[in-house]
Amino acid sequence: MSETTEITLYATPGAEVPPAKLMFDQHHIPYRWIDIDKDEKAAKYVESLNHGNRSVPTIVWPDGSSLTEPSTDELAKN
């Protein structure tokens, strides 16, 4: 995917809101939400990061590093 200066949150809509989205929203941290059910290119990118799995949420930081299905504690460390 293209380089960005913001956090990108790859996810799917569903009943459970990812803890990352809640944390970002509560702390007013800007991010870009991408629905991998609607964006096949993004879905393939998520699969490439997760050994072929469509694991969500997958978070990509501006430096290109990523976290998949992070806990709240993992998010707080970043």
PDB file of N, CA and C in Angstrom:
ATOM      1  N   MET A   1       0.859  -1.173   0.000  1.00  0.00           N
ATOM      2  CA  MET A   1       0.000   0.000   0.000  1.00  0.00           C
ATOM      3  C   MET A   1       0.901   1.230   0.000  1.00  0.00           C
ATOM      4  N   SER A   2       0.314   2.365  -0.220  1.00  0.00           N
ATOM      5  CA  SER A   2       1.098   3.586  -0.307  1.00  0.00           C
ATOM      6  C   SER A   2       1.525   4.082   1.068  1.00  0.00           C
ATOM      7  N   GLU A   3       2.622   4.838   1.072  1.00  0.00           N
ATOM      8  CA  GLU A   3       3.093   5.416   2.320  1.00  0.00           C
ATOM      9  C   GLU A   3       2.124   6.496   2.776  1.00  0.00           C
ATOM     10  N   THR A   4       2.010   6.635   4.091  1.00  0.00           N
ATOM     11  CA  THR A   4       1.110   7.632   4.648  1.00  0.00           C
ATOM     12  C   THR A   4       1.717   8.172   5.934  1.00  0.00           C
ATOM     13  N   THR A   5       1.216   9.304   6.363  1.00  0.00           N
ATOM     14  CA  THR A   5       1.696   9.880   7.614  1.00  0.00           C
ATOM     15  C   THR A   5       0.702   9.626   8.734  1.00  0.00           C
ATOM     16  N   GLU A   6      -0.295   8.795   8.459  1.00  0.00           N
ATOM     17  CA  GLU A   6      -1.274   8.489   9.484  1.00  0.00           C
ATOM     18  C   GLU A   6      -1.364   6.983   9.707  1.00  0.00           C
ATOM     19  N   ILE A   7      -2.016   6.632  10.790  1.00  0.00           N
ATOM     20  CA  ILE A   7      -2.256   5.232  11.119  1.00  0.00           C
ATOM     21  C   ILE A   7      -3.360   4.721  10.194  1.00  0.00           C
ATOM     22  N   THR A   8      -3.201   3.497   9.717  1.00  0.00           N
ATOM     23  CA  THR A   8      -4.235   2.879   8.899  1.00  0.00           C
ATOM     24  C   THR A   8      -4.759   1.664   9.640  1.00  0.00           C
ATOM     25  N   LEU A   9      -6.066   1.614   9.809  1.00  0.00           N
ATOM     26  CA  LEU A   9      -6.730   0.523  10.507  1.00  0.00           C
ATOM     27  C   LEU A   9      -7.521  -0.278   9.482  1.00  0.00           C
ATOM     28  N   TYR A  10      -7.062  -1.489   9.206  1.00  0.00           N
ATOM     29  CA  TYR A  10      -7.746  -2.378   8.282  1.00  0.00           C
ATOM     30  C   TYR A  10      -8.675  -3.255   9.107  1.00  0.00           C
ATOM     31  N   ALA A  11      -9.940  -3.269   8.745  1.00  0.00           N
ATOM     32  CA  ALA A  11     -10.916  -4.017   9.520  1.00  0.00           C
ATOM     33  C   ALA A  11     -12.120  -4.352   8.653  1.00  0.00           C
ATOM     34  N   THR A  12     -13.108  -4.953   9.281  1.00  0.00           N
ATOM     35  CA  THR A  12     -14.388  -5.212   8.640  1.00  0.00           C
ATOM     36  C   THR A  12     -15.482  -4.725   9.576  1.00  0.00           C
ATOM     37  N   PRO A  13     -16.601  -4.304   9.010  1.00  0.00           N
ATOM     38  CA  PRO A  13     -17.688  -3.895   9.892  1.00  0.00           C
ATOM     39  C   PRO A  13     -18.251  -5.130  10.598  1.00  0.00           C
ATOM     40  N   GLY A  14     -18.691  -4.956  11.783  1.00  0.00           N
ATOM     41  CA  GLY A  14     -19.244  -6.084  12.514  1.00  0.00           C
ATOM     42  C   GLY A  14     -19.784  -5.641  13.854  1.00  0.00           C
ATOM     43  N   ALA A  15     -20.283  -6.585  14.588  1.00  0.00           N
ATOM     44  CA  ALA A  15     -20.895  -6.285  15.876  1.00  0.00           C
ATOM     45  C   ALA A  15     -19.872  -5.814  16.903  1.00  0.00           C
ATOM     46  N   GLU A  16     -18.652  -6.327  16.819  1.00  0.00           N
ATOM     47  CA  GLU A  16     -17.632  -5.973  17.806  1.00  0.00           C
ATOM     48  C   GLU A  16     -16.725  -4.876  17.258  1.00  0.00           C
ATOM     49  N   VAL A  17     -16.664  -3.765  17.969  1.00  0.00           N
ATOM     50  CA  VAL A  17     -15.785  -2.667  17.577  1.00  0.00           C
ATOM     51  C   VAL A  17     -14.381  -3.000  18.071  1.00  0.00           C
ATOM     52  N   PRO A  18     -13.377  -2.954  17.188  1.00  0.00           N
ATOM     53  CA  PRO A  18     -12.017  -3.275  17.621  1.00  0.00           C
ATOM     54  C   PRO A  18     -11.548  -2.323  18.723  1.00  0.00           C
ATOM     55  N   PRO A  19     -10.852  -2.856  19.742  1.00  0.00           N
ATOM     56  CA  PRO A  19     -10.317  -1.995  20.799  1.00  0.00           C
ATOM     57  C   PRO A  19      -9.463  -0.860  20.246  1.00  0.00           C
ATOM     58  N   ALA A  20      -8.778  -1.105  19.148  1.00  0.00           N
ATOM     59  CA  ALA A  20      -7.937  -0.063  18.556  1.00  0.00           C
ATOM     60  C   ALA A  20      -8.787   1.132  18.136  1.00  0.00           C
ATOM     61  N   LYS A  21      -9.909   0.887  17.497  1.00  0.00           N
ATOM     62  CA  LYS A  21     -10.782   1.982  17.065  1.00  0.00           C
ATOM     63  C   LYS A  21     -11.279   2.775  18.275  1.00  0.00           C
ATOM     64  N   LEU A  22     -11.688   2.061  19.312  1.00  0.00           N
ATOM     65  CA  LEU A  22     -12.154   2.737  20.522  1.00  0.00           C
ATOM     66  C   LEU A  22     -11.053   3.600  21.132  1.00  0.00           C
ATOM     67  N   MET A  23      -9.841   3.042  21.212  1.00  0.00           N
ATOM     68  CA  MET A  23      -8.728   3.777  21.801  1.00  0.00           C
ATOM     69  C   MET A  23      -8.383   5.007  20.963  1.00  0.00           C
ATOM     70  N   PHE A  24      -8.302   4.836  19.655  1.00  0.00           N
ATOM     71  CA  PHE A  24      -7.979   5.962  18.783  1.00  0.00           C
ATOM     72  C   PHE A  24      -9.036   7.051  18.902  1.00  0.00           C
ATOM     73  N   ASP A  25     -10.300   6.650  18.905  1.00  0.00           N
ATOM     74  CA  ASP A  25     -11.386   7.623  19.006  1.00  0.00           C
ATOM     75  C   ASP A  25     -11.361   8.344  20.354  1.00  0.00           C
ATOM     76  N   GLN A  26     -11.187   7.596  21.439  1.00  0.00           N
ATOM     77  CA  GLN A  26     -11.185   8.197  22.780  1.00  0.00           C
ATOM     78  C   GLN A  26     -10.045   9.184  22.975  1.00  0.00           C
ATOM     79  N   HIS A  27      -8.911   8.902  22.343  1.00  0.00           N
ATOM     80  CA  HIS A  27      -7.728   9.755  22.513  1.00  0.00           C
ATOM     81  C   HIS A  27      -7.539  10.729  21.342  1.00  0.00           C
ATOM     82  N   HIS A  28      -8.542  10.801  20.466  1.00  0.00           N
ATOM     83  CA  HIS A  28      -8.519  11.719  19.319  1.00  0.00           C
ATOM     84  C   HIS A  28      -7.269  11.519  18.455  1.00  0.00           C
ATOM     85  N   ILE A  29      -6.930  10.256  18.244  1.00  0.00           N
ATOM     86  CA  ILE A  29      -5.786   9.905  17.401  1.00  0.00           C
ATOM     87  C   ILE A  29      -6.314   9.696  15.980  1.00  0.00           C
ATOM     88  N   PRO A  30      -5.827  10.480  15.033  1.00  0.00           N
ATOM     89  CA  PRO A  30      -6.331  10.327  13.665  1.00  0.00           C
ATOM     90  C   PRO A  30      -5.872   9.009  13.036  1.00  0.00           C
ATOM     91  N   TYR A  31      -6.761   8.415  12.283  1.00  0.00           N
ATOM     92  CA  TYR A  31      -6.454   7.174  11.581  1.00  0.00           C
ATOM     93  C   TYR A  31      -7.361   7.077  10.363  1.00  0.00           C
ATOM     94  N   ARG A  32      -6.967   6.204   9.482  1.00  0.00           N
ATOM     95  CA  ARG A  32      -7.770   5.937   8.282  1.00  0.00           C
ATOM     96  C   ARG A  32      -8.326   4.530   8.414  1.00  0.00           C
ATOM     97  N   TRP A  33      -9.635   4.374   8.312  1.00  0.00           N
ATOM     98  CA  TRP A  33     -10.319   3.087   8.398  1.00  0.00           C
ATOM     99  C   TRP A  33     -10.494   2.548   6.988  1.00  0.00           C
ATOM    100  N   ILE A  34     -10.073   1.310   6.775  1.00  0.00           N
ATOM    101  CA  ILE A  34     -10.277   0.688   5.468  1.00  0.00           C
ATOM    102  C   ILE A  34     -11.005  -0.632   5.686  1.00  0.00           C
ATOM    103  N   ASP A  35     -12.142  -0.765   5.048  1.00  0.00           N
ATOM    104  CA  ASP A  35     -12.975  -1.965   5.124  1.00  0.00           C
ATOM    105  C   ASP A  35     -12.456  -2.956   4.087  1.00  0.00           C
ATOM    106  N   ILE A  36     -11.832  -4.033   4.555  1.00  0.00           N
ATOM    107  CA  ILE A  36     -11.254  -4.984   3.601  1.00  0.00           C
ATOM    108  C   ILE A  36     -12.312  -5.832   2.907  1.00  0.00           C
ATOM    109  N   ASP A  37     -13.557  -5.791   3.384  1.00  0.00           N
ATOM    110  CA  ASP A  37     -14.630  -6.472   2.661  1.00  0.00           C
ATOM    111  C   ASP A  37     -14.991  -5.727   1.384  1.00  0.00           C
ATOM    112  N   LYS A  38     -14.701  -4.435   1.345  1.00  0.00           N
ATOM    113  CA  LYS A  38     -15.045  -3.603   0.183  1.00  0.00           C
ATOM    114  C   LYS A  38     -13.843  -3.234  -0.670  1.00  0.00           C
ATOM    115  N   ASP A  39     -12.636  -3.496  -0.174  1.00  0.00           N
ATOM    116  CA  ASP A  39     -11.421  -3.096  -0.887  1.00  0.00           C
ATOM    117  C   ASP A  39     -10.521  -4.324  -1.040  1.00  0.00           C
ATOM    118  N   GLU A  40     -10.626  -4.953  -2.198  1.00  0.00           N
ATOM    119  CA  GLU A  40      -9.895  -6.206  -2.425  1.00  0.00           C
ATOM    120  C   GLU A  40      -8.376  -6.011  -2.380  1.00  0.00           C
ATOM    121  N   LYS A  41      -7.905  -4.883  -2.886  1.00  0.00           N
ATOM    122  CA  LYS A  41      -6.467  -4.605  -2.836  1.00  0.00           C
ATOM    123  C   LYS A  41      -5.992  -4.520  -1.380  1.00  0.00           C
ATOM    124  N   ALA A  42      -6.769  -3.865  -0.552  1.00  0.00           N
ATOM    125  CA  ALA A  42      -6.435  -3.766   0.875  1.00  0.00           C
ATOM    126  C   ALA A  42      -6.498  -5.142   1.534  1.00  0.00           C
ATOM    127  N   ALA A  43      -7.478  -5.949   1.155  1.00  0.00           N
ATOM    128  CA  ALA A  43      -7.598  -7.299   1.711  1.00  0.00           C
ATOM    129  C   ALA A  43      -6.355  -8.123   1.373  1.00  0.00           C
ATOM    130  N   LYS A  44      -5.882  -8.022   0.150  1.00  0.00           N
ATOM    131  CA  LYS A  44      -4.665  -8.745  -0.254  1.00  0.00           C
ATOM    132  C   LYS A  44      -3.456  -8.247   0.533  1.00  0.00           C
ATOM    133  N   TYR A  45      -3.396  -6.951   0.795  1.00  0.00           N
ATOM    134  CA  TYR A  45      -2.308  -6.378   1.583  1.00  0.00           C
ATOM    135  C   TYR A  45      -2.332  -6.939   3.005  1.00  0.00           C
ATOM    136  N   VAL A  46      -3.515  -6.982   3.603  1.00  0.00           N
ATOM    137  CA  VAL A  46      -3.653  -7.552   4.955  1.00  0.00           C
ATOM    138  C   VAL A  46      -3.219  -9.016   4.942  1.00  0.00           C
ATOM    139  N   GLU A  47      -3.622  -9.754   3.940  1.00  0.00           N
ATOM    140  CA  GLU A  47      -3.217 -11.154   3.814  1.00  0.00           C
ATOM    141  C   GLU A  47      -1.700 -11.276   3.712  1.00  0.00           C
ATOM    142  N   SER A  48      -1.074 -10.354   2.998  1.00  0.00           N
ATOM    143  CA  SER A  48       0.390 -10.414   2.843  1.00  0.00           C
ATOM    144  C   SER A  48       1.105 -10.164   4.171  1.00  0.00           C
ATOM    145  N   LEU A  49       0.491  -9.382   5.031  1.00  0.00           N
ATOM    146  CA  LEU A  49       1.081  -9.107   6.344  1.00  0.00           C
ATOM    147  C   LEU A  49       0.841 -10.230   7.351  1.00  0.00           C
ATOM    148  N   ASN A  50      -0.194 -11.036   7.092  1.00  0.00           N
ATOM    149  CA  ASN A  50      -0.641 -12.021   8.071  1.00  0.00           C
ATOM    150  C   ASN A  50      -0.623 -13.454   7.555  1.00  0.00           C
ATOM    151  N   HIS A  51       0.413 -13.791   6.797  1.00  0.00           N
ATOM    152  CA  HIS A  51       0.627 -15.167   6.342  1.00  0.00           C
ATOM    153  C   HIS A  51      -0.598 -15.749   5.626  1.00  0.00           C
ATOM    154  N   GLY A  52      -1.233 -14.913   4.796  1.00  0.00           N
ATOM    155  CA  GLY A  52      -2.363 -15.376   4.005  1.00  0.00           C
ATOM    156  C   GLY A  52      -3.713 -15.237   4.686  1.00  0.00           C
ATOM    157  N   ASN A  53      -3.733 -14.750   5.915  1.00  0.00           N
ATOM    158  CA  ASN A  53      -4.993 -14.616   6.652  1.00  0.00           C
ATOM    159  C   ASN A  53      -5.533 -13.193   6.572  1.00  0.00           C
ATOM    160  N   ARG A  54      -6.845 -13.087   6.574  1.00  0.00           N
ATOM    161  CA  ARG A  54      -7.514 -11.777   6.608  1.00  0.00           C
ATOM    162  C   ARG A  54      -7.776 -11.398   8.065  1.00  0.00           C
ATOM    163  N   SER A  55      -6.725 -11.354   8.842  1.00  0.00           N
ATOM    164  CA  SER A  55      -6.834 -11.059  10.269  1.00  0.00           C
ATOM    165  C   SER A  55      -7.085  -9.579  10.489  1.00  0.00           C
ATOM    166  N   VAL A  56      -8.153  -9.287  11.243  1.00  0.00           N
ATOM    167  CA  VAL A  56      -8.490  -7.909  11.536  1.00  0.00           C
ATOM    168  C   VAL A  56      -8.809  -7.759  13.013  1.00  0.00           C
ATOM    169  N   PRO A  57      -8.537  -6.604  13.558  1.00  0.00           N
ATOM    170  CA  PRO A  57      -7.951  -5.487  12.858  1.00  0.00           C
ATOM    171  C   PRO A  57      -6.454  -5.676  12.640  1.00  0.00           C
ATOM    172  N   THR A  58      -5.983  -5.151  11.550  1.00  0.00           N
ATOM    173  CA  THR A  58      -4.557  -5.020  11.293  1.00  0.00           C
ATOM    174  C   THR A  58      -4.284  -3.530  11.232  1.00  0.00           C
ATOM    175  N   ILE A  59      -3.316  -3.102  12.025  1.00  0.00           N
ATOM    176  CA  ILE A  59      -2.972  -1.683  12.106  1.00  0.00           C
ATOM    177  C   ILE A  59      -1.603  -1.494  11.481  1.00  0.00           C
ATOM    178  N   VAL A  60      -1.495  -0.524  10.586  1.00  0.00           N
ATOM    179  CA  VAL A  60      -0.207  -0.190   9.984  1.00  0.00           C
ATOM    180  C   VAL A  60       0.142   1.225  10.419  1.00  0.00           C
ATOM    181  N   TRP A  61       1.297   1.347  11.063  1.00  0.00           N
ATOM    182  CA  TRP A  61       1.787   2.628  11.567  1.00  0.00           C
ATOM    183  C   TRP A  61       2.457   3.398  10.440  1.00  0.00           C
ATOM    184  N   PRO A  62       2.620   4.692  10.583  1.00  0.00           N
ATOM    185  CA  PRO A  62       3.236   5.498   9.526  1.00  0.00           C
ATOM    186  C   PRO A  62       4.625   5.016   9.106  1.00  0.00           C
ATOM    187  N   ASP A  63       5.361   4.368  10.008  1.00  0.00           N
ATOM    188  CA  ASP A  63       6.695   3.879   9.653  1.00  0.00           C
ATOM    189  C   ASP A  63       6.666   2.550   8.901  1.00  0.00           C
ATOM    190  N   GLY A  64       5.451   2.005   8.670  1.00  0.00           N
ATOM    191  CA  GLY A  64       5.312   0.756   7.930  1.00  0.00           C
ATOM    192  C   GLY A  64       5.217  -0.481   8.810  1.00  0.00           C
ATOM    193  N   SER A  65       5.493  -0.355  10.099  1.00  0.00           N
ATOM    194  CA  SER A  65       5.347  -1.501  10.989  1.00  0.00           C
ATOM    195  C   SER A  65       3.862  -1.765  11.210  1.00  0.00           C
ATOM    196  N   SER A  66       3.546  -2.975  11.673  1.00  0.00           N
ATOM    197  CA  SER A  66       2.136  -3.313  11.830  1.00  0.00           C
ATOM    198  C   SER A  66       1.893  -4.145  13.086  1.00  0.00           C
ATOM    199  N   LEU A  67       0.642  -4.137  13.511  1.00  0.00           N
ATOM    200  CA  LEU A  67       0.150  -4.975  14.604  1.00  0.00           C
ATOM    201  C   LEU A  67      -1.128  -5.633  14.122  1.00  0.00           C
ATOM    202  N   THR A  68      -1.307  -6.888  14.476  1.00  0.00           N
ATOM    203  CA  THR A  68      -2.517  -7.602  14.101  1.00  0.00           C
ATOM    204  C   THR A  68      -3.237  -8.060  15.353  1.00  0.00           C
ATOM    205  N   GLU A  69      -4.515  -7.754  15.398  1.00  0.00           N
ATOM    206  CA  GLU A  69      -5.371  -8.102  16.522  1.00  0.00           C
ATOM    207  C   GLU A  69      -4.715  -7.746  17.856  1.00  0.00           C
ATOM    208  N   PRO A  70      -4.232  -6.499  17.992  1.00  0.00           N
ATOM    209  CA  PRO A  70      -3.519  -6.138  19.231  1.00  0.00           C
ATOM    210  C   PRO A  70      -4.458  -6.002  20.421  1.00  0.00           C
ATOM    211  N   SER A  71      -3.907  -6.295  21.584  1.00  0.00           N
ATOM    212  CA  SER A  71      -4.645  -6.063  22.817  1.00  0.00           C
ATOM    213  C   SER A  71      -4.554  -4.578  23.152  1.00  0.00           C
ATOM    214  N   THR A  72      -5.344  -4.138  24.094  1.00  0.00           N
ATOM    215  CA  THR A  72      -5.284  -2.749  24.537  1.00  0.00           C
ATOM    216  C   THR A  72      -3.906  -2.442  25.095  1.00  0.00           C
ATOM    217  N   ASP A  73      -3.304  -3.384  25.819  1.00  0.00           N
ATOM    218  CA  ASP A  73      -1.959  -3.188  26.386  1.00  0.00           C
ATOM    219  C   ASP A  73      -0.919  -3.004  25.276  1.00  0.00           C
ATOM    220  N   GLU A  74      -1.016  -3.817  24.208  1.00  0.00           N
ATOM    221  CA  GLU A  74      -0.090  -3.670  23.087  1.00  0.00           C
ATOM    222  C   GLU A  74      -0.233  -2.298  22.438  1.00  0.00           C
ATOM    223  N   LEU A  75      -1.467  -1.835  22.298  1.00  0.00           N
ATOM    224  CA  LEU A  75      -1.703  -0.525  21.690  1.00  0.00           C
ATOM    225  C   LEU A  75      -1.120   0.589  22.549  1.00  0.00           C
ATOM    226  N   ALA A  76      -1.271   0.470  23.843  1.00  0.00           N
ATOM    227  CA  ALA A  76      -0.767   1.500  24.760  1.00  0.00           C
ATOM    228  C   ALA A  76       0.745   1.629  24.672  1.00  0.00           C
ATOM    229  N   LYS A  77       1.439   0.563  24.344  1.00  0.00           N
ATOM    230  CA  LYS A  77       2.906   0.589  24.232  1.00  0.00           C
ATOM    231  C   LYS A  77       3.362   1.287  22.964  1.00  0.00           C
ATOM    232  N   ASN A  78       2.473   1.417  22.001  1.00  0.00           N
ATOM    233  CA  ASN A  78       2.830   2.034  20.721  1.00  0.00           C
ATOM    234  C   ASN A  78       2.360   3.444  20.745  1.00  0.00           C
TER     235      ASN A  78
END
